[in-house]
Amino acid sequence: MVVRSLPLLGDGDEHNQKQLRAVILRLILVQPLD
């Protein structure tokens, strides 16, 4: 996943990581897959 390669998620905060991943996945899902 692209989310894992984001340096912002490398600080070990797993709660924020899951939260951010959920937000990113939601943004991806609401966008049309052209």
N, C-alpha and C. Protein backbone atom coordinates (compact mmCIF):
# COMPACT_ATOMS: atom_id res chain seq x y z
N MET A 1 0.84 -1.21 0.00
CA MET A 1 0.00 0.00 0.00
C MET A 1 0.86 1.25 0.00
N VAL A 2 0.33 2.28 -0.60
CA VAL A 2 1.05 3.55 -0.67
C VAL A 2 1.13 4.19 0.71
N VAL A 3 0.12 3.90 1.55
CA VAL A 3 0.05 4.51 2.87
C VAL A 3 1.27 4.13 3.72
N ARG A 4 1.75 2.91 3.54
CA ARG A 4 2.87 2.42 4.35
C ARG A 4 4.16 3.15 4.04
N SER A 5 4.27 3.69 2.83
CA SER A 5 5.51 4.34 2.44
C SER A 5 5.53 5.82 2.80
N LEU A 6 4.46 6.31 3.40
CA LEU A 6 4.44 7.71 3.83
C LEU A 6 5.28 7.89 5.08
N PRO A 7 6.26 8.80 5.05
CA PRO A 7 7.15 9.02 6.19
C PRO A 7 6.41 9.52 7.43
N LEU A 8 5.27 10.15 7.23
CA LEU A 8 4.50 10.68 8.35
C LEU A 8 3.98 9.56 9.25
N LEU A 9 3.88 8.36 8.70
CA LEU A 9 3.33 7.25 9.47
C LEU A 9 4.44 6.43 10.12
N GLY A 10 5.66 6.92 10.06
CA GLY A 10 6.78 6.14 10.57
C GLY A 10 7.14 6.46 12.00
N ASP A 11 6.27 7.19 12.71
CA ASP A 11 6.61 7.58 14.08
C ASP A 11 6.08 6.58 15.10
N GLY A 12 5.47 5.50 14.64
CA GLY A 12 5.05 4.44 15.55
C GLY A 12 3.71 4.68 16.22
N ASP A 13 2.99 5.71 15.81
CA ASP A 13 1.68 5.96 16.40
C ASP A 13 0.64 5.15 15.62
N GLU A 14 0.32 3.98 16.14
CA GLU A 14 -0.51 3.05 15.37
C GLU A 14 -1.94 3.54 15.27
N HIS A 15 -2.42 4.22 16.31
CA HIS A 15 -3.80 4.72 16.27
C HIS A 15 -3.95 5.75 15.16
N ASN A 16 -3.02 6.69 15.11
CA ASN A 16 -3.08 7.71 14.06
C ASN A 16 -2.88 7.10 12.69
N GLN A 17 -2.07 6.05 12.64
CA GLN A 17 -1.81 5.39 11.36
C GLN A 17 -3.09 4.75 10.83
N LYS A 18 -3.81 4.06 11.69
CA LYS A 18 -5.05 3.42 11.26
C LYS A 18 -6.08 4.47 10.87
N GLN A 19 -6.12 5.56 11.65
CA GLN A 19 -7.09 6.61 11.39
C GLN A 19 -6.79 7.28 10.05
N LEU A 20 -5.52 7.58 9.83
CA LEU A 20 -5.12 8.25 8.59
C LEU A 20 -5.36 7.33 7.39
N ARG A 21 -5.06 6.05 7.59
CA ARG A 21 -5.26 5.09 6.50
C ARG A 21 -6.73 4.99 6.12
N ALA A 22 -7.60 5.02 7.13
CA ALA A 22 -9.04 4.95 6.88
C ALA A 22 -9.49 6.17 6.09
N VAL A 23 -8.95 7.33 6.45
CA VAL A 23 -9.32 8.56 5.75
C VAL A 23 -8.84 8.52 4.30
N ILE A 24 -7.61 8.07 4.11
CA ILE A 24 -7.06 7.99 2.75
C ILE A 24 -7.84 7.00 1.89
N LEU A 25 -8.16 5.84 2.48
CA LEU A 25 -8.93 4.84 1.74
C LEU A 25 -10.30 5.39 1.37
N ARG A 26 -10.89 6.16 2.28
CA ARG A 26 -12.20 6.74 2.01
C ARG A 26 -12.11 7.75 0.87
N LEU A 27 -11.04 8.54 0.87
CA LEU A 27 -10.85 9.51 -0.21
C LEU A 27 -10.68 8.81 -1.55
N ILE A 28 -9.97 7.68 -1.52
CA ILE A 28 -9.75 6.92 -2.76
C ILE A 28 -11.06 6.32 -3.25
N LEU A 29 -11.87 5.82 -2.31
CA LEU A 29 -13.11 5.15 -2.69
C LEU A 29 -14.15 6.12 -3.25
N VAL A 30 -14.15 7.36 -2.77
CA VAL A 30 -15.17 8.31 -3.23
C VAL A 30 -14.79 8.92 -4.57
N GLN A 31 -13.54 8.76 -4.98
CA GLN A 31 -13.12 9.29 -6.26
C GLN A 31 -13.40 8.28 -7.37
N PRO A 32 -13.82 8.76 -8.53
CA PRO A 32 -14.10 7.88 -9.66
C PRO A 32 -12.82 7.20 -10.14
N LEU A 33 -12.90 5.90 -10.38
CA LEU A 33 -11.72 5.16 -10.83
C LEU A 33 -11.62 5.23 -12.35
N ASP A 34 -11.01 6.27 -12.83
CA ASP A 34 -10.87 6.43 -14.28
C ASP A 34 -9.69 5.62 -14.78
